């Protein structure tokens, strides 16, 4: 389309249209898309490929997610059709065989392979199993890969996001309190817009990097110690007894609860405060204690959280995730793979053979995982990687790989542009100088500025 992406000296991206010889700050629309205005003056976007409209400006990432979702839907429909054809060929009058393993789970049937005498167990909700469903685990409704579920969720978020953004002005010293007061005064649908964070007393512009750092602070403050149970509730999964770790087992069927400095005792069963826990009733006690800790004891708080979450992100969108997948999607990965990092790094005014680049990777290789996380946070604004690793890093304009740029003099400290995942690395003279400057930058600097 004769478009070109360029970068200003201070790192801001703009686009050049060589057809009309004009420039714009916005990324050009994907092929087949058109921008229109309704009667109220609101912008919306028309996809002539699928004959649909959306309020959200399309990006290559959202289009790619939708195309992948369509592809998966086509594959799923093909599998359903193939299954129906196989099922129709079975003789309805065939005698029922006596299976020594017992009855199949509800919704499952057995199909014989026409080439031999082996049998496959098939979910009648179109999920194929390569082994007997009796050999551990309950059958799922669909055999979806995590990556497909993740991209479908991203597509739903992009499709239902609202245009424009909401501004939140906060102080670094009272970040949580300032954010809480302003967010509580917003309408739920406002939180489907992009958050634009203003740090009072700092000059940085939020193109994604500041919001990522603020979100990380929220996680540190808000996430309770029993987050796995919370993820279970969000994913509509039951809590199991193994969710109860270090539960502080008491001697009686009762549980103390502290609220606003007052301690009250709640019985786990009728006359439980007088019933001693023994080896004969300990399983009952563990079950009742688990139910109290994660259901009855926090029922009001849990309901308030889930109701609020559902107003912004419908819980129905999360029904196919289990608690581990939900944690991975929301929090990302904390273990850093150095080879993946190197493979998905791009260079500007350097090459991968430059001596400074060799020194940089040598310093990173010497770091433990904690220091690598600090370096990642210094450059990207977050201490965790998205699903997919460094290849899936997101910048202000969509996917943006980790970038090392040659900027400044050897006396300068390294600088970062968290909105663009870019590290400005001066041309240091030797390995020791690079190590000293880089470690000082990631451990001693704080705040955002503007060039």
Protein backbone atom coordinates (compact mmCIF):
# COMPACT_ATOMS: atom_id res chain seq x y z
CA UNK A 1 0.00 0.00 0.00
CA UNK A 2 3.04 2.26 -0.26
CA UNK A 3 2.99 3.01 3.47
CA UNK A 4 6.19 3.36 5.48
CA UNK A 5 6.75 3.36 9.24
CA UNK A 6 9.31 5.82 10.57
CA UNK A 7 10.58 6.85 13.99
CA UNK A 8 11.37 10.36 15.24
CA UNK A 9 14.61 11.05 17.10
CA UNK A 10 12.84 10.77 20.48
CA UNK A 11 11.32 7.40 19.59
CA UNK A 12 7.75 8.29 18.56
CA UNK A 13 6.45 6.30 15.58
CA UNK A 14 4.69 7.91 12.61
CA UNK A 15 3.56 6.72 9.17
CA UNK A 16 4.23 8.07 5.68
CA UNK A 17 1.74 7.61 2.81
CA UNK A 18 3.81 7.82 -0.38
CA UNK A 19 0.63 7.84 -2.49
CA UNK A 20 -0.68 11.13 -1.08
CA UNK A 21 2.65 12.34 0.35
CA UNK A 22 1.13 12.83 3.80
CA UNK A 23 2.03 11.66 7.31
CA UNK A 24 -0.09 10.49 10.23
CA UNK A 25 0.42 9.33 13.80
CA UNK A 26 -2.06 6.47 13.36
CA UNK A 27 -1.20 3.12 11.80
CA UNK A 28 -2.98 2.68 8.42
CA UNK A 29 -6.04 0.47 8.42
CA UNK A 30 -5.62 -3.17 7.31
CA UNK A 31 -6.76 -4.05 3.75
CA UNK A 32 -10.53 -4.09 3.37
CA UNK A 33 -11.22 -1.75 6.30
CA UNK A 34 -12.84 1.69 6.15
CA UNK A 35 -13.31 4.46 8.73
CA UNK A 36 -16.75 6.12 8.90
CA UNK A 37 -18.65 8.59 11.07
CA UNK A 38 -22.18 8.02 12.40
CA UNK A 39 -24.92 10.64 12.87
CA UNK A 40 -23.61 11.55 16.33
CA UNK A 41 -20.11 12.21 15.06
CA UNK A 42 -18.65 8.99 16.46
CA UNK A 43 -16.04 7.10 14.47
CA UNK A 44 -16.59 3.44 13.65
CA UNK A 45 -14.86 0.98 11.36
CA UNK A 46 -16.26 -1.21 8.60
CA UNK A 47 -14.67 -4.54 7.66
CA UNK A 48 -15.72 -5.17 4.06
CA UNK A 49 -14.10 -8.61 4.20
CA UNK A 50 -16.57 -9.95 6.77
CA UNK A 51 -19.28 -7.24 6.43
CA UNK A 52 -19.07 -6.34 10.10
CA UNK A 53 -18.53 -3.10 12.05
CA UNK A 54 -16.76 -2.23 15.29
CA UNK A 55 -16.07 0.82 17.45
CA UNK A 56 -12.49 -0.34 18.04
CA UNK A 57 -9.86 0.73 15.54
CA UNK A 58 -8.49 -2.48 13.97
CA UNK A 59 -4.84 -3.37 14.37
CA UNK A 60 -2.84 -6.13 12.71
CA UNK A 61 -2.97 -7.99 16.03
CA UNK A 62 -6.77 -7.89 16.30
CA UNK A 63 -7.17 -8.89 12.65
CA UNK A 64 -4.72 -11.76 13.13
CA UNK A 65 -6.58 -12.95 16.23
CA UNK A 66 -9.87 -12.90 14.33
CA UNK A 67 -8.41 -14.79 11.36
CA UNK A 68 -6.97 -17.42 13.70
CA UNK A 69 -10.32 -17.70 15.46
CA UNK A 70 -12.06 -18.19 12.08
CA UNK A 71 -9.52 -20.84 11.11
CA UNK A 72 -10.05 -22.70 14.36
CA UNK A 73 -13.81 -22.48 13.95
CA UNK A 74 -13.54 -23.97 10.45
CA UNK A 75 -11.36 -26.79 11.75
CA UNK A 76 -13.80 -27.43 14.59
CA UNK A 77 -16.76 -27.52 12.21
CA UNK A 78 -14.84 -29.90 9.95
CA UNK A 79 -14.13 -32.18 12.89
CA UNK A 80 -17.79 -32.07 13.90
CA UNK A 81 -18.88 -32.98 10.37
CA UNK A 82 -16.35 -35.82 10.19
CA UNK A 83 -17.51 -37.14 13.53
CA UNK A 84 -21.16 -37.04 12.47
CA UNK A 85 -20.34 -38.95 9.31
CA UNK A 86 -18.50 -41.62 11.31
CA UNK A 87 -21.31 -41.82 13.81
CA UNK A 88 -24.02 -42.17 11.18
CA UNK A 89 -22.30 -45.21 9.71
CA UNK A 90 -22.58 -47.15 12.97
CA UNK A 91 -25.33 -49.71 13.07
CA UNK A 92 -28.05 -48.57 15.44
CA UNK A 93 -29.07 -52.17 16.00
CA UNK A 94 -25.61 -53.41 16.99
CA UNK A 95 -25.55 -55.47 20.16
CA UNK A 96 -24.22 -53.82 23.30
CA UNK A 97 -20.86 -55.27 24.36
CA UNK A 98 -20.00 -56.01 27.95
CA UNK A 99 -17.05 -53.76 28.75
CA UNK A 100 -14.99 -54.99 31.72
CA UNK A 101 -14.02 -51.36 32.50
CA UNK A 102 -17.60 -50.45 33.28
CA UNK A 103 -19.93 -47.74 31.98
CA UNK A 104 -18.59 -44.69 30.13
CA UNK A 105 -18.99 -41.17 31.56
CA UNK A 106 -22.14 -39.22 30.57
CA UNK A 107 -21.96 -37.85 27.03
CA UNK A 108 -19.36 -40.39 25.83
CA UNK A 109 -19.69 -43.25 23.32
CA UNK A 110 -17.42 -45.99 21.94
CA UNK A 111 -16.55 -46.26 18.23
CA UNK A 112 -14.76 -49.23 16.68
CA UNK A 113 -12.04 -48.57 14.14
CA UNK A 114 -12.86 -50.24 10.82
CA UNK A 115 -9.22 -51.33 10.29
CA UNK A 116 -8.74 -53.39 13.46
CA UNK A 117 -10.44 -54.46 16.62
CA UNK A 118 -9.32 -51.49 18.74
CA UNK A 119 -11.79 -48.98 20.11
CA UNK A 120 -11.67 -45.21 20.56
CA UNK A 121 -13.70 -43.45 23.22
CA UNK A 122 -15.37 -40.36 21.78
CA UNK A 123 -17.10 -37.49 23.55
CA UNK A 124 -20.53 -36.94 22.04
CA UNK A 125 -19.83 -33.21 22.37
CA UNK A 126 -17.27 -33.65 19.57
CA UNK A 127 -14.03 -33.96 21.57
CA UNK A 128 -11.88 -36.84 20.29
CA UNK A 129 -9.86 -38.79 22.85
CA UNK A 130 -6.80 -40.86 21.91
CA UNK A 131 -7.16 -43.07 24.96
CA UNK A 132 -9.85 -44.34 27.25
CA UNK A 133 -11.58 -41.56 29.18
CA UNK A 134 -11.52 -43.83 32.20
CA UNK A 135 -7.76 -43.57 32.55
CA UNK A 136 -7.74 -40.38 34.61
CA UNK A 137 -9.32 -36.95 34.24
CA UNK A 138 -12.79 -35.95 33.14
CA UNK A 139 -13.51 -35.33 29.43
CA UNK A 140 -13.64 -31.71 28.35
CA UNK A 141 -16.37 -30.22 26.20
CA UNK A 142 -13.85 -29.37 23.49
CA UNK A 143 -10.19 -30.22 23.03
CA UNK A 144 -8.96 -26.66 22.62
CA UNK A 145 -5.34 -25.69 22.80
CA UNK A 146 -4.41 -22.98 25.28
CA UNK A 147 -3.06 -20.78 22.52
CA UNK A 148 -6.34 -20.93 20.63
CA UNK A 149 -8.33 -20.10 23.78
CA UNK A 150 -5.96 -17.22 24.51
CA UNK A 151 -6.33 -15.70 21.03
CA UNK A 152 -10.10 -16.11 21.13
CA UNK A 153 -10.20 -14.27 24.46
CA UNK A 154 -8.03 -11.47 23.02
CA UNK A 155 -10.39 -11.23 20.06
CA UNK A 156 -13.40 -10.86 22.38
CA UNK A 157 -11.60 -8.12 24.33
CA UNK A 158 -10.65 -6.22 21.16
CA UNK A 159 -14.15 -6.59 19.69
CA UNK A 160 -15.86 -5.23 22.80
CA UNK A 161 -13.36 -2.49 23.67
CA UNK A 162 -14.60 1.10 23.45
CA UNK A 163 -12.81 3.89 21.59
CA UNK A 164 -10.79 6.70 23.17
CA UNK A 165 -9.20 6.37 26.61
CA UNK A 166 -9.73 7.33 30.24
CA UNK A 167 -7.11 9.35 32.09
CA UNK A 168 -6.00 8.60 35.63
CA UNK A 169 -3.66 11.01 37.41
CA UNK A 170 -1.67 9.41 40.22
CA UNK A 171 1.29 10.06 42.48
CA UNK A 172 4.02 7.43 42.72
CA UNK A 173 3.90 7.66 46.53
CA UNK A 174 0.11 7.10 46.76
CA UNK A 175 -0.43 5.20 43.54
CA UNK A 176 -2.92 2.64 44.84
CA UNK A 177 -5.07 5.11 46.78
CA UNK A 178 -5.22 7.62 43.90
CA UNK A 179 -6.09 4.94 41.35
CA UNK A 180 -8.71 3.33 43.58
CA UNK A 181 -10.58 6.59 44.19
CA UNK A 182 -10.71 7.51 40.50
CA UNK A 183 -11.60 4.04 39.22
CA UNK A 184 -14.43 3.71 41.75
CA UNK A 185 -15.99 6.89 40.33
CA UNK A 186 -16.04 5.49 36.78
CA UNK A 187 -18.77 3.60 35.02
CA UNK A 188 -18.01 -0.09 34.35
CA UNK A 189 -18.04 0.41 30.58
CA UNK A 190 -15.36 3.13 30.90
CA UNK A 191 -12.92 0.44 31.97
CA UNK A 192 -13.23 -1.10 28.51
CA UNK A 193 -11.37 1.91 27.18
CA UNK A 194 -7.59 2.14 27.24
CA UNK A 195 -6.20 3.48 30.50
CA UNK A 196 -3.93 6.50 30.13
CA UNK A 197 -1.84 7.01 33.27
CA UNK A 198 -0.41 10.41 34.23
CA UNK A 199 2.33 10.31 36.86
CA UNK A 200 2.22 13.61 38.71
CA UNK A 201 5.62 15.30 38.78
CA UNK A 202 6.97 13.17 35.92
CA UNK A 203 7.06 14.06 32.23
CA UNK A 204 6.57 10.63 30.69
CA UNK A 205 3.78 10.09 28.14
CA UNK A 206 1.81 6.87 28.50
CA UNK A 207 1.95 4.93 25.24
CA UNK A 208 1.60 1.68 27.17
CA UNK A 209 4.74 1.52 29.30
CA UNK A 210 3.47 3.52 32.29
CA UNK A 211 0.18 1.60 32.35
CA UNK A 212 2.09 -1.69 32.40
CA UNK A 213 4.15 -0.61 35.41
CA UNK A 214 1.06 0.62 37.26
CA UNK A 215 -0.72 -2.68 36.54
CA UNK A 216 2.26 -4.53 37.99
CA UNK A 217 1.96 -2.46 41.19
CA UNK A 218 -1.76 -3.29 41.40
CA UNK A 219 -0.94 -7.00 41.22
CA UNK A 220 1.58 -6.70 44.06
CA UNK A 221 -0.96 -4.88 46.26
CA UNK A 222 -4.26 -6.56 45.36
CA UNK A 223 -3.58 -10.22 44.65
CA UNK A 224 -4.31 -12.26 47.80
CA UNK A 225 -2.09 -15.07 49.02
CA UNK A 226 -4.62 -17.68 47.88
CA UNK A 227 -4.68 -16.47 44.27
CA UNK A 228 -5.06 -20.01 42.89
CA UNK A 229 -8.45 -20.25 44.59
CA UNK A 230 -9.46 -16.87 43.18
CA UNK A 231 -8.52 -18.03 39.67
CA UNK A 232 -10.60 -21.18 40.23
CA UNK A 233 -13.64 -19.04 41.04
CA UNK A 234 -13.06 -16.76 38.04
CA UNK A 235 -12.75 -19.73 35.68
CA UNK A 236 -15.92 -21.27 37.17
CA UNK A 237 -13.89 -24.23 38.46
CA UNK A 238 -14.51 -25.93 41.81
CA UNK A 239 -12.10 -25.56 44.73
CA UNK A 240 -10.47 -28.79 45.83
CA UNK A 241 -8.98 -29.82 49.12
CA UNK A 242 -5.45 -29.50 47.73
CA UNK A 243 -6.13 -25.75 47.37
CA UNK A 244 -5.82 -25.64 51.15
CA UNK A 245 -2.14 -25.11 51.92
CA UNK A 246 -0.80 -24.23 55.33
CA UNK A 247 -4.40 -23.97 56.48
CA UNK A 248 -3.60 -23.68 60.15
CA UNK A 249 -5.63 -26.77 61.16
CA UNK A 250 -7.49 -26.31 64.46
CA UNK A 251 -8.40 -28.96 67.02
CA UNK A 252 -12.18 -28.45 66.82
CA UNK A 253 -14.77 -28.14 64.06
CA UNK A 254 -14.71 -24.34 64.36
CA UNK A 255 -12.84 -21.49 62.73
CA UNK A 256 -11.83 -18.09 64.09
CA UNK A 257 -12.38 -15.09 61.84
CA UNK A 258 -11.01 -11.57 62.38
CA UNK A 259 -12.85 -8.55 60.99
CA UNK A 260 -11.86 -4.97 61.79
CA UNK A 261 -9.89 -6.14 64.82
CA UNK A 262 -12.71 -8.27 66.27
CA UNK A 263 -12.34 -12.06 66.42
CA UNK A 264 -15.41 -14.27 66.16
CA UNK A 265 -15.72 -18.06 66.11
CA UNK A 266 -17.78 -19.79 63.42
CA UNK A 267 -18.85 -23.40 63.70
CA UNK A 268 -18.10 -25.59 60.67
CA UNK A 269 -21.03 -27.89 61.53
CA UNK A 270 -23.73 -28.17 64.17
CA UNK A 271 -22.08 -28.02 67.60
CA UNK A 272 -18.70 -28.08 65.83
CA UNK A 273 -16.95 -25.96 68.46
CA UNK A 274 -17.39 -28.86 70.89
CA UNK A 275 -16.35 -31.68 68.54
CA UNK A 276 -12.68 -32.63 68.61
CA UNK A 277 -10.80 -33.38 65.38
CA UNK A 278 -9.51 -36.97 65.39
CA UNK A 279 -7.91 -39.34 62.90
CA UNK A 280 -11.38 -40.74 62.18
CA UNK A 281 -13.05 -37.45 61.24
CA UNK A 282 -10.08 -35.48 59.89
CA UNK A 283 -11.17 -35.89 56.24
CA UNK A 284 -14.56 -34.40 57.09
CA UNK A 285 -12.82 -31.56 58.91
CA UNK A 286 -10.54 -30.78 55.96
CA UNK A 287 -13.52 -30.72 53.59
CA UNK A 288 -15.54 -28.41 55.85
CA UNK A 289 -12.55 -26.15 56.49
CA UNK A 290 -11.82 -25.87 52.76
CA UNK A 291 -15.46 -25.00 52.08
CA UNK A 292 -15.40 -22.37 54.84
CA UNK A 293 -12.09 -20.77 53.88
CA UNK A 294 -12.85 -20.47 50.17
CA UNK A 295 -16.65 -20.43 49.91
CA UNK A 296 -18.86 -19.77 52.92
CA UNK A 297 -16.37 -17.69 54.92
CA UNK A 298 -15.69 -15.21 52.11
CA UNK A 299 -18.94 -15.53 50.21
CA UNK A 300 -19.82 -11.83 50.40
CA UNK A 301 -16.36 -10.62 49.37
CA UNK A 302 -16.06 -13.18 46.57
CA UNK A 303 -19.48 -12.28 45.17
CA UNK A 304 -18.58 -8.57 45.16
CA UNK A 305 -15.32 -9.26 43.33
CA UNK A 306 -16.90 -11.55 40.72
CA UNK A 307 -19.81 -9.14 40.14
CA UNK A 308 -17.40 -6.25 39.58
CA UNK A 309 -15.14 -8.31 37.31
CA UNK A 310 -18.15 -9.52 35.33
CA UNK A 311 -19.26 -5.93 34.64
CA UNK A 312 -16.04 -5.31 32.70
CA UNK A 313 -15.05 -8.77 31.46
CA UNK A 314 -17.93 -11.29 31.32
CA UNK A 315 -17.00 -14.45 33.22
CA UNK A 316 -18.48 -16.43 30.34
CA UNK A 317 -15.39 -15.51 28.31
CA UNK A 318 -13.24 -17.41 30.84
CA UNK A 319 -15.27 -20.59 31.13
CA UNK A 320 -12.88 -22.69 29.00
CA UNK A 321 -9.80 -21.75 31.06
CA UNK A 322 -8.78 -23.62 34.17
CA UNK A 323 -7.17 -21.73 37.07
CA UNK A 324 -3.59 -22.45 35.92
CA UNK A 325 -4.28 -21.23 32.39
CA UNK A 326 -6.01 -18.13 33.74
CA UNK A 327 -3.04 -17.29 35.94
CA UNK A 328 -0.66 -17.78 33.00
CA UNK A 329 -2.77 -15.55 30.75
CA UNK A 330 -3.14 -12.72 33.29
CA UNK A 331 0.31 -12.83 34.88
CA UNK A 332 2.49 -14.22 32.11
CA UNK A 333 5.71 -16.18 32.59
CA UNK A 334 8.42 -15.20 35.06
CA UNK A 335 11.16 -17.62 34.01
CA UNK A 336 13.32 -16.03 31.30
CA UNK A 337 14.73 -18.12 28.45
CA UNK A 338 17.95 -16.43 27.31
CA UNK A 339 18.00 -18.13 23.89
CA UNK A 340 14.41 -17.01 23.24
CA UNK A 341 15.39 -13.47 24.30
CA UNK A 342 18.33 -13.36 21.89
CA UNK A 343 16.36 -14.88 19.03
CA UNK A 344 13.59 -12.28 19.35
CA UNK A 345 15.75 -9.15 19.76
CA UNK A 346 16.22 -6.60 16.99
CA UNK A 347 19.06 -4.07 16.67
CA UNK A 348 19.23 -0.47 15.45
CA UNK A 349 22.58 1.08 14.55
CA UNK A 350 24.12 -2.10 15.97
CA UNK A 351 24.35 -5.60 14.51
CA UNK A 352 24.31 -8.90 16.34
CA UNK A 353 28.08 -9.07 15.73
CA UNK A 354 28.84 -5.67 17.32
CA UNK A 355 31.19 -5.98 20.28
CA UNK A 356 28.80 -4.03 22.54
CA UNK A 357 26.05 -6.55 21.72
CA UNK A 358 28.35 -9.47 22.56
CA UNK A 359 29.20 -7.77 25.86
CA UNK A 360 25.54 -7.08 26.59
CA UNK A 361 24.54 -10.73 26.19
CA UNK A 362 27.55 -11.82 28.19
CA UNK A 363 26.41 -9.60 31.09
CA UNK A 364 22.84 -10.91 30.79
CA UNK A 365 24.13 -14.50 30.77
CA UNK A 366 26.00 -13.81 34.03
CA UNK A 367 22.84 -12.45 35.70
CA UNK A 368 20.59 -14.62 37.85
CA UNK A 369 16.88 -14.75 37.02
CA UNK A 370 16.06 -11.91 39.47
CA UNK A 371 18.41 -9.45 37.75
CA UNK A 372 17.16 -10.51 34.32
CA UNK A 373 13.64 -9.74 35.50
CA UNK A 374 14.77 -6.27 36.64
CA UNK A 375 16.33 -5.66 33.24
CA UNK A 376 13.13 -6.80 31.53
CA UNK A 377 11.08 -4.45 33.72
CA UNK A 378 13.49 -1.57 33.09
CA UNK A 379 13.03 -1.88 29.32
CA UNK A 380 9.41 -3.06 28.95
CA UNK A 381 7.70 -1.85 32.15
CA UNK A 382 6.70 -5.35 33.24
CA UNK A 383 8.54 -8.11 35.08
CA UNK A 384 6.74 -10.95 33.32
CA UNK A 385 6.58 -12.22 29.76
CA UNK A 386 3.33 -12.75 27.86
CA UNK A 387 2.25 -16.18 26.70
CA UNK A 388 4.56 -17.04 23.82
CA UNK A 389 7.64 -15.42 25.35
CA UNK A 390 9.65 -12.58 23.83
CA UNK A 391 8.09 -13.10 20.40
CA UNK A 392 4.75 -11.86 21.82
CA UNK A 393 5.94 -8.64 23.52
CA UNK A 394 3.46 -5.79 22.99
CA UNK A 395 4.35 -2.13 22.43
CA UNK A 396 2.24 0.98 21.93
CA UNK A 397 1.35 0.02 18.34
CA UNK A 398 0.86 -3.71 18.76
CA UNK A 399 3.51 -6.46 18.67
CA UNK A 400 6.94 -4.97 19.37
CA UNK A 401 10.05 -7.09 19.91
CA UNK A 402 12.81 -6.24 22.35
CA UNK A 403 15.07 -3.66 20.67
CA UNK A 404 18.63 -2.46 21.40
CA UNK A 405 19.53 0.90 19.85
CA UNK A 406 22.92 2.62 19.67
CA UNK A 407 22.32 6.01 21.29
CA UNK A 408 24.44 8.48 23.25
CA UNK A 409 28.02 8.66 24.45
CA UNK A 410 30.05 6.23 26.50
CA UNK A 411 29.64 8.44 29.58
CA UNK A 412 25.85 8.10 29.44
CA UNK A 413 23.76 5.57 31.33
CA UNK A 414 21.52 3.20 29.35
CA UNK A 415 17.98 4.52 28.85
CA UNK A 416 14.76 2.70 28.10
CA UNK A 417 11.56 3.44 26.20
CA UNK A 418 9.02 1.16 27.86
CA UNK A 419 6.29 2.01 25.35
CA UNK A 420 8.45 0.63 22.54
CA UNK A 421 10.40 -2.08 24.43
CA UNK A 422 13.62 -0.33 23.44
CA UNK A 423 16.95 -0.09 25.26
CA UNK A 424 19.27 2.79 24.33
CA UNK A 425 22.73 1.31 24.81
CA UNK A 426 25.67 3.75 24.40
CA UNK A 427 28.84 2.52 22.62
CA UNK A 428 30.83 1.59 25.72
CA UNK A 429 34.56 0.92 25.36
CA UNK A 430 34.80 -2.36 27.26
CA UNK A 431 32.86 -5.09 29.03
CA UNK A 432 33.42 -3.77 32.55
CA UNK A 433 32.11 -0.31 31.67
CA UNK A 434 28.99 -1.78 30.07
CA UNK A 435 28.35 -4.06 33.06
CA UNK A 436 28.74 -1.21 35.57
CA UNK A 437 26.49 1.23 33.69
CA UNK A 438 23.79 -1.34 32.92
CA UNK A 439 23.52 -2.68 36.47
CA UNK A 440 23.43 0.85 37.90
CA UNK A 441 20.62 1.80 35.49
CA UNK A 442 18.38 -1.16 36.28
CA UNK A 443 18.88 -1.04 40.06
CA UNK A 444 19.08 2.67 40.89
CA UNK A 445 16.74 4.50 38.50
CA UNK A 446 13.03 5.25 38.90
CA UNK A 447 10.45 7.41 37.15
CA UNK A 448 9.52 8.49 33.64
CA UNK A 449 10.85 11.36 31.56
CA UNK A 450 10.29 12.86 28.14
CA UNK A 451 12.84 13.79 25.49
